[in-house]
């Protein structure tokens, strides 16, 4: 049985191709096939994992009921007020000196 042949011809005008070529050049001779096999399998696994996660999230969200709530313009606790921030005296003194 003959081995299939794959030829990688990067387009050096494409930034992703240039980056891939630079990475591949850093792989020691005799290990490039293994490197490419692992890269391809890792990409395939990542796609599979993404599909599994998306499916799980979809299944979980099927039982969730979303409600649109109006933004509150006042504090949730009746009678509670949002305190005004206090400006430290040192800052006021500094600002009065630069006037």
PDB file of N, CA and C in Angstrom:
ATOM      1  N   UNK A   1       0.856  -1.191   0.000  1.00  0.00           N
ATOM      2  CA  UNK A   1       0.000   0.000   0.000  1.00  0.00           C
ATOM      3  C   UNK A   1       0.897   1.248   0.000  1.00  0.00           C
ATOM      4  N   UNK A   2       0.654   2.140  -0.928  1.00  0.00           N
ATOM      5  CA  UNK A   2       1.469   3.351  -0.999  1.00  0.00           C
ATOM      6  C   UNK A   2       0.947   4.400  -0.014  1.00  0.00           C
ATOM      7  N   UNK A   3       1.851   5.231   0.448  1.00  0.00           N
ATOM      8  CA  UNK A   3       1.487   6.282   1.398  1.00  0.00           C
ATOM      9  C   UNK A   3       0.967   7.500   0.640  1.00  0.00           C
ATOM     10  N   UNK A   4      -0.105   8.104   1.139  1.00  0.00           N
ATOM     11  CA  UNK A   4      -0.590   9.325   0.497  1.00  0.00           C
ATOM     12  C   UNK A   4       0.415  10.462   0.722  1.00  0.00           C
ATOM     13  N   UNK A   5       0.405  11.387  -0.191  1.00  0.00           N
ATOM     14  CA  UNK A   5       1.318  12.528  -0.111  1.00  0.00           C
ATOM     15  C   UNK A   5       0.503  13.801   0.072  1.00  0.00           C
ATOM     16  N   UNK A   6       0.989  14.668   0.951  1.00  0.00           N
ATOM     17  CA  UNK A   6       0.344  15.955   1.186  1.00  0.00           C
ATOM     18  C   UNK A   6       1.386  17.040   0.976  1.00  0.00           C
ATOM     19  N   UNK A   7       1.022  18.059   0.259  1.00  0.00           N
ATOM     20  CA  UNK A   7       1.940  19.157   0.009  1.00  0.00           C
ATOM     21  C   UNK A   7       1.371  20.427   0.636  1.00  0.00           C
ATOM     22  N   UNK A   8       2.167  21.084   1.451  1.00  0.00           N
ATOM     23  CA  UNK A   8       1.750  22.327   2.096  1.00  0.00           C
ATOM     24  C   UNK A   8       2.450  23.477   1.391  1.00  0.00           C
ATOM     25  N   UNK A   9       1.681  24.326   0.740  1.00  0.00           N
ATOM     26  CA  UNK A   9       2.227  25.458   0.015  1.00  0.00           C
ATOM     27  C   UNK A   9       1.616  26.736   0.574  1.00  0.00           C
ATOM     28  N   UNK A  10       2.237  27.293   1.601  1.00  0.00           N
ATOM     29  CA  UNK A  10       1.651  28.490   2.220  1.00  0.00           C
ATOM     30  C   UNK A  10       1.699  29.705   1.305  1.00  0.00           C
ATOM     31  N   UNK A  11       0.685  30.516   1.421  1.00  0.00           N
ATOM     32  CA  UNK A  11       0.633  31.802   0.721  1.00  0.00           C
ATOM     33  C   UNK A  11       1.261  32.822   1.676  1.00  0.00           C
ATOM     34  N   UNK A  12       2.470  33.227   1.408  1.00  0.00           N
ATOM     35  CA  UNK A  12       3.196  34.095   2.327  1.00  0.00           C
ATOM     36  C   UNK A  12       2.614  35.505   2.423  1.00  0.00           C
ATOM     37  N   UNK A  13       1.605  35.803   1.631  1.00  0.00           N
ATOM     38  CA  UNK A  13       0.917  37.084   1.756  1.00  0.00           C
ATOM     39  C   UNK A  13      -0.194  37.006   2.800  1.00  0.00           C
ATOM     40  N   UNK A  14      -0.550  35.783   3.190  1.00  0.00           N
ATOM     41  CA  UNK A  14      -1.585  35.561   4.200  1.00  0.00           C
ATOM     42  C   UNK A  14      -0.897  35.456   5.567  1.00  0.00           C
ATOM     43  N   UNK A  15      -1.244  36.356   6.520  1.00  0.00           N
ATOM     44  CA  UNK A  15      -0.589  36.345   7.835  1.00  0.00           C
ATOM     45  C   UNK A  15      -0.708  35.007   8.562  1.00  0.00           C
ATOM     46  N   UNK A  16      -1.845  34.335   8.447  1.00  0.00           N
ATOM     47  CA  UNK A  16      -2.004  33.032   9.108  1.00  0.00           C
ATOM     48  C   UNK A  16      -1.076  31.997   8.489  1.00  0.00           C
ATOM     49  N   UNK A  17      -0.925  32.011   7.182  1.00  0.00           N
ATOM     50  CA  UNK A  17      -0.033  31.072   6.504  1.00  0.00           C
ATOM     51  C   UNK A  17       1.416  31.328   6.917  1.00  0.00           C
ATOM     52  N   UNK A  18       1.792  32.622   6.973  1.00  0.00           N
ATOM     53  CA  UNK A  18       3.161  32.959   7.381  1.00  0.00           C
ATOM     54  C   UNK A  18       3.434  32.466   8.800  1.00  0.00           C
ATOM     55  N   UNK A  19       2.478  32.680   9.678  1.00  0.00           N
ATOM     56  CA  UNK A  19       2.646  32.241  11.078  1.00  0.00           C
ATOM     57  C   UNK A  19       2.745  30.722  11.148  1.00  0.00           C
ATOM     58  N   UNK A  20       1.883  30.017  10.415  1.00  0.00           N
ATOM     59  CA  UNK A  20       1.915  28.552  10.399  1.00  0.00           C
ATOM     60  C   UNK A  20       3.249  28.055   9.850  1.00  0.00           C
ATOM     61  N   UNK A  21       3.745  28.698   8.804  1.00  0.00           N
ATOM     62  CA  UNK A  21       5.017  28.290   8.202  1.00  0.00           C
ATOM     63  C   UNK A  21       6.166  28.477   9.202  1.00  0.00           C
ATOM     64  N   UNK A  22       6.140  29.608   9.910  1.00  0.00           N
ATOM     65  CA  UNK A  22       7.180  29.883  10.902  1.00  0.00           C
ATOM     66  C   UNK A  22       7.161  28.821  12.003  1.00  0.00           C
ATOM     67  N   UNK A  23       5.981  28.454  12.458  1.00  0.00           N
ATOM     68  CA  UNK A  23       5.854  27.418  13.491  1.00  0.00           C
ATOM     69  C   UNK A  23       6.370  26.088  12.961  1.00  0.00           C
ATOM     70  N   UNK A  24       5.959  25.739  11.748  1.00  0.00           N
ATOM     71  CA  UNK A  24       6.380  24.469  11.158  1.00  0.00           C
ATOM     72  C   UNK A  24       7.894  24.421  10.964  1.00  0.00           C
ATOM     73  N   UNK A  25       8.497  25.558  10.630  1.00  0.00           N
ATOM     74  CA  UNK A  25       9.946  25.594  10.454  1.00  0.00           C
ATOM     75  C   UNK A  25      10.675  25.312  11.771  1.00  0.00           C
ATOM     76  N   UNK A  26      10.024  25.600  12.892  1.00  0.00           N
ATOM     77  CA  UNK A  26      10.630  25.362  14.206  1.00  0.00           C
ATOM     78  C   UNK A  26      10.544  23.920  14.666  1.00  0.00           C
ATOM     79  N   UNK A  27       9.772  23.105  13.957  1.00  0.00           N
ATOM     80  CA  UNK A  27       9.637  21.687  14.316  1.00  0.00           C
ATOM     81  C   UNK A  27      10.848  20.934  13.766  1.00  0.00           C
ATOM     82  N   UNK A  28      11.511  20.133  14.615  1.00  0.00           N
ATOM     83  CA  UNK A  28      12.698  19.401  14.149  1.00  0.00           C
ATOM     84  C   UNK A  28      12.370  18.453  12.995  1.00  0.00           C
ATOM     85  N   UNK A  29      13.343  18.294  12.101  1.00  0.00           N
ATOM     86  CA  UNK A  29      13.186  17.354  10.980  1.00  0.00           C
ATOM     87  C   UNK A  29      12.881  15.968  11.538  1.00  0.00           C
ATOM     88  N   UNK A  30      12.050  15.241  10.841  1.00  0.00           N
ATOM     89  CA  UNK A  30      11.671  13.902  11.277  1.00  0.00           C
ATOM     90  C   UNK A  30      10.479  13.902  12.224  1.00  0.00           C
ATOM     91  N   UNK A  31      10.070  15.101  12.696  1.00  0.00           N
ATOM     92  CA  UNK A  31       8.929  15.190  13.616  1.00  0.00           C
ATOM     93  C   UNK A  31       7.776  16.005  13.023  1.00  0.00           C
ATOM     94  N   UNK A  32       7.950  16.461  11.804  1.00  0.00           N
ATOM     95  CA  UNK A  32       6.921  17.324  11.200  1.00  0.00           C
ATOM     96  C   UNK A  32       5.632  16.563  10.919  1.00  0.00           C
ATOM     97  N   UNK A  33       5.724  15.315  10.461  1.00  0.00           N
ATOM     98  CA  UNK A  33       4.506  14.531  10.233  1.00  0.00           C
ATOM     99  C   UNK A  33       3.720  14.367  11.519  1.00  0.00           C
ATOM    100  N   UNK A  34       4.430  13.987  12.590  1.00  0.00           N
ATOM    101  CA  UNK A  34       3.765  13.807  13.884  1.00  0.00           C
ATOM    102  C   UNK A  34       3.151  15.125  14.353  1.00  0.00           C
ATOM    103  N   UNK A  35       3.873  16.230  14.159  1.00  0.00           N
ATOM    104  CA  UNK A  35       3.368  17.538  14.549  1.00  0.00           C
ATOM    105  C   UNK A  35       2.070  17.861  13.814  1.00  0.00           C
ATOM    106  N   UNK A  36       2.069  17.645  12.494  1.00  0.00           N
ATOM    107  CA  UNK A  36       0.873  17.940  11.694  1.00  0.00           C
ATOM    108  C   UNK A  36      -0.289  17.028  12.064  1.00  0.00           C
ATOM    109  N   UNK A  37      -0.014  15.759  12.303  1.00  0.00           N
ATOM    110  CA  UNK A  37      -1.071  14.821  12.711  1.00  0.00           C
ATOM    111  C   UNK A  37      -1.701  15.289  14.013  1.00  0.00           C
ATOM    112  N   UNK A  38      -0.849  15.635  14.994  1.00  0.00           N
ATOM    113  CA  UNK A  38      -1.379  16.089  16.291  1.00  0.00           C
ATOM    114  C   UNK A  38      -2.164  17.389  16.158  1.00  0.00           C
ATOM    115  N   UNK A  39      -1.686  18.302  15.320  1.00  0.00           N
ATOM    116  CA  UNK A  39      -2.389  19.574  15.119  1.00  0.00           C
ATOM    117  C   UNK A  39      -3.774  19.335  14.505  1.00  0.00           C
ATOM    118  N   UNK A  40      -3.826  18.455  13.520  1.00  0.00           N
ATOM    119  CA  UNK A  40      -5.108  18.149  12.862  1.00  0.00           C
ATOM    120  C   UNK A  40      -6.064  17.479  13.844  1.00  0.00           C
ATOM    121  N   UNK A  41      -5.558  16.517  14.615  1.00  0.00           N
ATOM    122  CA  UNK A  41      -6.412  15.827  15.579  1.00  0.00           C
ATOM    123  C   UNK A  41      -6.871  16.756  16.699  1.00  0.00           C
ATOM    124  N   UNK A  42      -6.004  17.676  17.118  1.00  0.00           N
ATOM    125  CA  UNK A  42      -6.377  18.632  18.159  1.00  0.00           C
ATOM    126  C   UNK A  42      -7.491  19.547  17.656  1.00  0.00           C
ATOM    127  N   UNK A  43      -7.371  19.999  16.420  1.00  0.00           N
ATOM    128  CA  UNK A  43      -8.409  20.853  15.818  1.00  0.00           C
ATOM    129  C   UNK A  43      -9.735  20.102  15.727  1.00  0.00           C
ATOM    130  N   UNK A  44      -9.668  18.848  15.304  1.00  0.00           N
ATOM    131  CA  UNK A  44     -10.875  18.027  15.201  1.00  0.00           C
ATOM    132  C   UNK A  44     -11.511  17.834  16.575  1.00  0.00           C
ATOM    133  N   UNK A  45     -10.685  17.583  17.593  1.00  0.00           N
ATOM    134  CA  UNK A  45     -11.199  17.400  18.946  1.00  0.00           C
ATOM    135  C   UNK A  45     -11.836  18.688  19.457  1.00  0.00           C
ATOM    136  N   UNK A  46     -11.210  19.837  19.162  1.00  0.00           N
ATOM    137  CA  UNK A  46     -11.761  21.122  19.603  1.00  0.00           C
ATOM    138  C   UNK A  46     -13.136  21.358  18.983  1.00  0.00           C
ATOM    139  N   UNK A  47     -13.288  21.025  17.712  1.00  0.00           N
ATOM    140  CA  UNK A  47     -14.599  21.174  17.061  1.00  0.00           C
ATOM    141  C   UNK A  47     -15.636  20.248  17.689  1.00  0.00           C
ATOM    142  N   UNK A  48     -15.212  19.005  17.956  1.00  0.00           N
ATOM    143  CA  UNK A  48     -16.112  18.043  18.597  1.00  0.00           C
ATOM    144  C   UNK A  48     -16.524  18.549  19.977  1.00  0.00           C
ATOM    145  N   UNK A  49     -15.558  19.025  20.746  1.00  0.00           N
ATOM    146  CA  UNK A  49     -15.841  19.527  22.090  1.00  0.00           C
ATOM    147  C   UNK A  49     -16.789  20.721  22.040  1.00  0.00           C
ATOM    148  N   UNK A  50     -16.585  21.603  21.070  1.00  0.00           N
ATOM    149  CA  UNK A  50     -17.473  22.756  20.922  1.00  0.00           C
ATOM    150  C   UNK A  50     -18.903  22.303  20.639  1.00  0.00           C
ATOM    151  N   UNK A  51     -19.064  21.300  19.761  1.00  0.00           N
ATOM    152  CA  UNK A  51     -20.416  20.787  19.457  1.00  0.00           C
ATOM    153  C   UNK A  51     -21.062  20.197  20.706  1.00  0.00           C
ATOM    154  N   UNK A  52     -20.289  19.446  21.493  1.00  0.00           N
ATOM    155  CA  UNK A  52     -20.824  18.817  22.709  1.00  0.00           C
ATOM    156  C   UNK A  52     -21.257  19.883  23.713  1.00  0.00           C
ATOM    157  N   UNK A  53     -20.423  20.905  23.892  1.00  0.00           N
ATOM    158  CA  UNK A  53     -20.751  21.972  24.846  1.00  0.00           C
ATOM    159  C   UNK A  53     -21.975  22.743  24.378  1.00  0.00           C
ATOM    160  N   UNK A  54     -22.026  23.074  23.080  1.00  0.00           N
ATOM    161  CA  UNK A  54     -23.189  23.799  22.558  1.00  0.00           C
ATOM    162  C   UNK A  54     -24.475  22.984  22.760  1.00  0.00           C
ATOM    163  N   UNK A  55     -24.399  21.675  22.506  1.00  0.00           N
ATOM    164  CA  UNK A  55     -25.566  20.811  22.676  1.00  0.00           C
ATOM    165  C   UNK A  55     -25.992  20.784  24.141  1.00  0.00           C
ATOM    166  N   UNK A  56     -25.037  20.669  25.052  1.00  0.00           N
ATOM    167  CA  UNK A  56     -25.356  20.634  26.478  1.00  0.00           C
ATOM    168  C   UNK A  56     -25.988  21.945  26.929  1.00  0.00           C
ATOM    169  N   UNK A  57     -25.442  23.062  26.461  1.00  0.00           N
ATOM    170  CA  UNK A  57     -25.995  24.368  26.839  1.00  0.00           C
ATOM    171  C   UNK A  57     -27.404  24.524  26.286  1.00  0.00           C
ATOM    172  N   UNK A  58     -27.605  24.114  25.018  1.00  0.00           N
ATOM    173  CA  UNK A  58     -28.949  24.180  24.434  1.00  0.00           C
ATOM    174  C   UNK A  58     -29.947  23.369  25.250  1.00  0.00           C
ATOM    175  N   UNK A  59     -29.551  22.142  25.625  1.00  0.00           N
ATOM    176  CA  UNK A  59     -30.444  21.282  26.400  1.00  0.00           C
ATOM    177  C   UNK A  59     -30.774  21.909  27.748  1.00  0.00           C
ATOM    178  N   UNK A  60     -29.781  22.527  28.392  1.00  0.00           N
ATOM    179  CA  UNK A  60     -30.027  23.161  29.684  1.00  0.00           C
ATOM    180  C   UNK A  60     -30.924  24.384  29.535  1.00  0.00           C
ATOM    181  N   UNK A  61     -30.743  25.134  28.452  1.00  0.00           N
ATOM    182  CA  UNK A  61     -31.537  26.346  28.262  1.00  0.00           C
ATOM    183  C   UNK A  61     -32.975  26.064  27.849  1.00  0.00           C
ATOM    184  N   UNK A  62     -33.245  24.846  27.386  1.00  0.00           N
ATOM    185  CA  UNK A  62     -34.623  24.506  27.006  1.00  0.00           C
ATOM    186  C   UNK A  62     -35.573  24.648  28.191  1.00  0.00           C
ATOM    187  N   UNK A  63     -35.109  24.367  29.391  1.00  0.00           N
ATOM    188  CA  UNK A  63     -35.960  24.458  30.572  1.00  0.00           C
ATOM    189  C   UNK A  63     -35.965  25.818  31.229  1.00  0.00           C
ATOM    190  N   UNK A  64     -35.239  26.771  30.679  1.00  0.00           N
ATOM    191  CA  UNK A  64     -35.138  28.100  31.277  1.00  0.00           C
ATOM    192  C   UNK A  64     -36.119  29.039  30.596  1.00  0.00           C
ATOM    193  N   UNK A  65     -36.834  29.789  31.408  1.00  0.00           N
ATOM    194  CA  UNK A  65     -37.758  30.777  30.866  1.00  0.00           C
ATOM    195  C   UNK A  65     -37.176  32.157  31.123  1.00  0.00           C
ATOM    196  N   UNK A  66     -36.927  32.909  30.070  1.00  0.00           N
ATOM    197  CA  UNK A  66     -36.348  34.238  30.199  1.00  0.00           C
ATOM    198  C   UNK A  66     -37.444  35.289  30.237  1.00  0.00           C
ATOM    199  N   UNK A  67     -37.245  36.270  31.106  1.00  0.00           N
ATOM    200  CA  UNK A  67     -38.191  37.372  31.209  1.00  0.00           C
ATOM    201  C   UNK A  67     -37.442  38.674  30.995  1.00  0.00           C
ATOM    202  N   UNK A  68     -38.068  39.574  30.281  1.00  0.00           N
ATOM    203  CA  UNK A  68     -37.471  40.886  30.096  1.00  0.00           C
ATOM    204  C   UNK A  68     -37.959  41.771  31.229  1.00  0.00           C
ATOM    205  N   UNK A  69     -36.998  42.335  31.960  1.00  0.00           N
ATOM    206  CA  UNK A  69     -37.355  43.213  33.071  1.00  0.00           C
ATOM    207  C   UNK A  69     -36.936  44.628  32.749  1.00  0.00           C
ATOM    208  N   UNK A  70     -37.775  45.564  33.117  1.00  0.00           N
ATOM    209  CA  UNK A  70     -37.449  46.974  32.911  1.00  0.00           C
ATOM    210  C   UNK A  70     -36.336  47.367  33.870  1.00  0.00           C
ATOM    211  N   UNK A  71     -35.474  48.239  33.427  1.00  0.00           N
ATOM    212  CA  UNK A  71     -34.396  48.723  34.293  1.00  0.00           C
ATOM    213  C   UNK A  71     -35.005  49.553  35.408  1.00  0.00           C
ATOM    214  N   UNK A  72     -34.511  49.351  36.591  1.00  0.00           N
ATOM    215  CA  UNK A  72     -35.017  50.103  37.737  1.00  0.00           C
ATOM    216  C   UNK A  72     -34.364  51.474  37.771  1.00  0.00           C
ATOM    217  N   UNK A  73     -35.181  52.508  37.892  1.00  0.00           N
ATOM    218  CA  UNK A  73     -34.633  53.853  37.958  1.00  0.00           C
ATOM    219  C   UNK A  73     -34.432  54.280  39.406  1.00  0.00           C
ATOM    220  N   UNK A  74     -34.993  53.530  40.337  1.00  0.00           N
ATOM    221  CA  UNK A  74     -34.861  53.852  41.757  1.00  0.00           C
ATOM    222  C   UNK A  74     -34.311  52.628  42.478  1.00  0.00           C
ATOM    223  N   UNK A  75     -33.761  52.811  43.661  1.00  0.00           N
ATOM    224  CA  UNK A  75     -33.250  51.669  44.419  1.00  0.00           C
ATOM    225  C   UNK A  75     -34.338  50.637  44.666  1.00  0.00           C
ATOM    226  N   UNK A  76     -33.941  49.366  44.755  1.00  0.00           N
ATOM    227  CA  UNK A  76     -34.907  48.296  44.961  1.00  0.00           C
ATOM    228  C   UNK A  76     -35.567  48.368  46.327  1.00  0.00           C
ATOM    229  N   UNK A  77     -34.839  48.855  47.328  1.00  0.00           N
ATOM    230  CA  UNK A  77     -35.386  48.929  48.682  1.00  0.00           C
ATOM    231  C   UNK A  77     -36.077  50.277  48.843  1.00  0.00           C
ATOM    232  N   UNK A  78     -37.381  50.252  49.105  1.00  0.00           N
ATOM    233  CA  UNK A  78     -38.102  51.521  49.259  1.00  0.00           C
ATOM    234  C   UNK A  78     -37.505  52.340  50.396  1.00  0.00           C
ATOM    235  N   UNK A  79     -37.337  53.629  50.156  1.00  0.00           N
ATOM    236  CA  UNK A  79     -36.823  54.519  51.190  1.00  0.00           C
ATOM    237  C   UNK A  79     -35.303  54.568  51.238  1.00  0.00           C
ATOM    238  N   UNK A  80     -34.634  53.633  50.594  1.00  0.00           N
ATOM    239  CA  UNK A  80     -33.170  53.634  50.616  1.00  0.00           C
ATOM    240  C   UNK A  80     -32.658  54.641  49.593  1.00  0.00           C
ATOM    241  N   UNK A  81     -31.687  55.422  49.991  1.00  0.00           N
ATOM    242  CA  UNK A  81     -31.120  56.411  49.087  1.00  0.00           C
ATOM    243  C   UNK A  81     -29.675  56.057  48.788  1.00  0.00           C
ATOM    244  N   UNK A  82     -29.270  56.413  47.606  1.00  0.00           N
ATOM    245  CA  UNK A  82     -27.883  56.200  47.225  1.00  0.00           C
ATOM    246  C   UNK A  82     -27.094  57.398  47.730  1.00  0.00           C
ATOM    247  N   UNK A  83     -26.095  57.168  48.596  1.00  0.00           N
ATOM    248  CA  UNK A  83     -25.358  58.307  49.154  1.00  0.00           C
ATOM    249  C   UNK A  83     -24.480  58.979  48.100  1.00  0.00           C
ATOM    250  N   UNK A  84     -24.366  60.290  48.228  1.00  0.00           N
ATOM    251  CA  UNK A  84     -23.493  61.053  47.340  1.00  0.00           C
ATOM    252  C   UNK A  84     -22.055  60.749  47.742  1.00  0.00           C
ATOM    253  N   UNK A  85     -21.165  60.617  46.774  1.00  0.00           N
ATOM    254  CA  UNK A  85     -19.773  60.373  47.142  1.00  0.00           C
ATOM    255  C   UNK A  85     -19.192  61.593  47.850  1.00  0.00           C
ATOM    256  N   UNK A  86     -18.419  61.336  48.885  1.00  0.00           N
ATOM    257  CA  UNK A  86     -17.837  62.420  49.658  1.00  0.00           C
ATOM    258  C   UNK A  86     -16.460  62.744  49.103  1.00  0.00           C
ATOM    259  N   UNK A  87     -16.203  64.015  48.859  1.00  0.00           N
ATOM    260  CA  UNK A  87     -14.911  64.444  48.331  1.00  0.00           C
ATOM    261  C   UNK A  87     -14.011  64.749  49.531  1.00  0.00           C
ATOM    262  N   UNK A  88     -12.861  64.103  49.600  1.00  0.00           N
ATOM    263  CA  UNK A  88     -11.953  64.332  50.740  1.00  0.00           C
ATOM    264  C   UNK A  88     -11.513  65.790  50.818  1.00  0.00           C
ATOM    265  N   UNK A  89     -11.333  66.278  52.054  1.00  0.00           N
ATOM    266  CA  UNK A  89     -10.927  67.654  52.290  1.00  0.00           C
ATOM    267  C   UNK A  89      -9.613  67.998  51.627  1.00  0.00           C
ATOM    268  N   UNK A  90      -8.662  67.063  51.617  1.00  0.00           N
ATOM    269  CA  UNK A  90      -7.361  67.323  50.996  1.00  0.00           C
ATOM    270  C   UNK A  90      -7.524  67.629  49.515  1.00  0.00           C
ATOM    271  N   UNK A  91      -8.441  66.942  48.861  1.00  0.00           N
ATOM    272  CA  UNK A  91      -8.655  67.166  47.445  1.00  0.00           C
ATOM    273  C   UNK A  91      -9.265  68.542  47.216  1.00  0.00           C
ATOM    274  N   UNK A  92     -10.194  68.931  48.084  1.00  0.00           N
ATOM    275  CA  UNK A  92     -10.808  70.260  47.950  1.00  0.00           C
ATOM    276  C   UNK A  92      -9.776  71.348  48.167  1.00  0.00           C
ATOM    277  N   UNK A  93      -8.873  71.176  49.177  1.00  0.00           N
ATOM    278  CA  UNK A  93      -7.813  72.149  49.402  1.00  0.00           C
ATOM    279  C   UNK A  93      -6.914  72.272  48.187  1.00  0.00           C
ATOM    280  N   UNK A  94      -6.534  71.123  47.600  1.00  0.00           N
ATOM    281  CA  UNK A  94      -5.669  71.124  46.429  1.00  0.00           C
ATOM    282  C   UNK A  94      -6.341  71.859  45.271  1.00  0.00           C
ATOM    283  N   UNK A  95      -7.625  71.568  45.038  1.00  0.00           N
ATOM    284  CA  UNK A  95      -8.326  72.228  43.957  1.00  0.00           C
ATOM    285  C   UNK A  95      -8.466  73.718  44.165  1.00  0.00           C
ATOM    286  N   UNK A  96      -8.641  74.153  45.430  1.00  0.00           N
ATOM    287  CA  UNK A  96      -8.775  75.586  45.689  1.00  0.00           C
ATOM    288  C   UNK A  96      -7.458  76.306  45.469  1.00  0.00           C
ATOM    289  N   UNK A  97      -6.308  75.612  45.689  1.00  0.00           N
ATOM    290  CA  UNK A  97      -4.996  76.233  45.478  1.00  0.00           C
ATOM    291  C   UNK A  97      -4.665  76.420  44.008  1.00  0.00           C
ATOM    292  N   UNK A  98      -5.204  75.584  43.127  1.00  0.00           N
ATOM    293  CA  UNK A  98      -4.851  75.713  41.701  1.00  0.00           C
ATOM    294  C   UNK A  98      -5.738  76.706  40.974  1.00  0.00           C
ATOM    295  N   UNK A  99      -6.709  77.272  41.642  1.00  0.00           N
ATOM    296  CA  UNK A  99      -7.587  78.247  40.983  1.00  0.00           C
ATOM    297  C   UNK A  99      -6.908  79.583  40.810  1.00  0.00           C
TER     298      UNK A  99
END
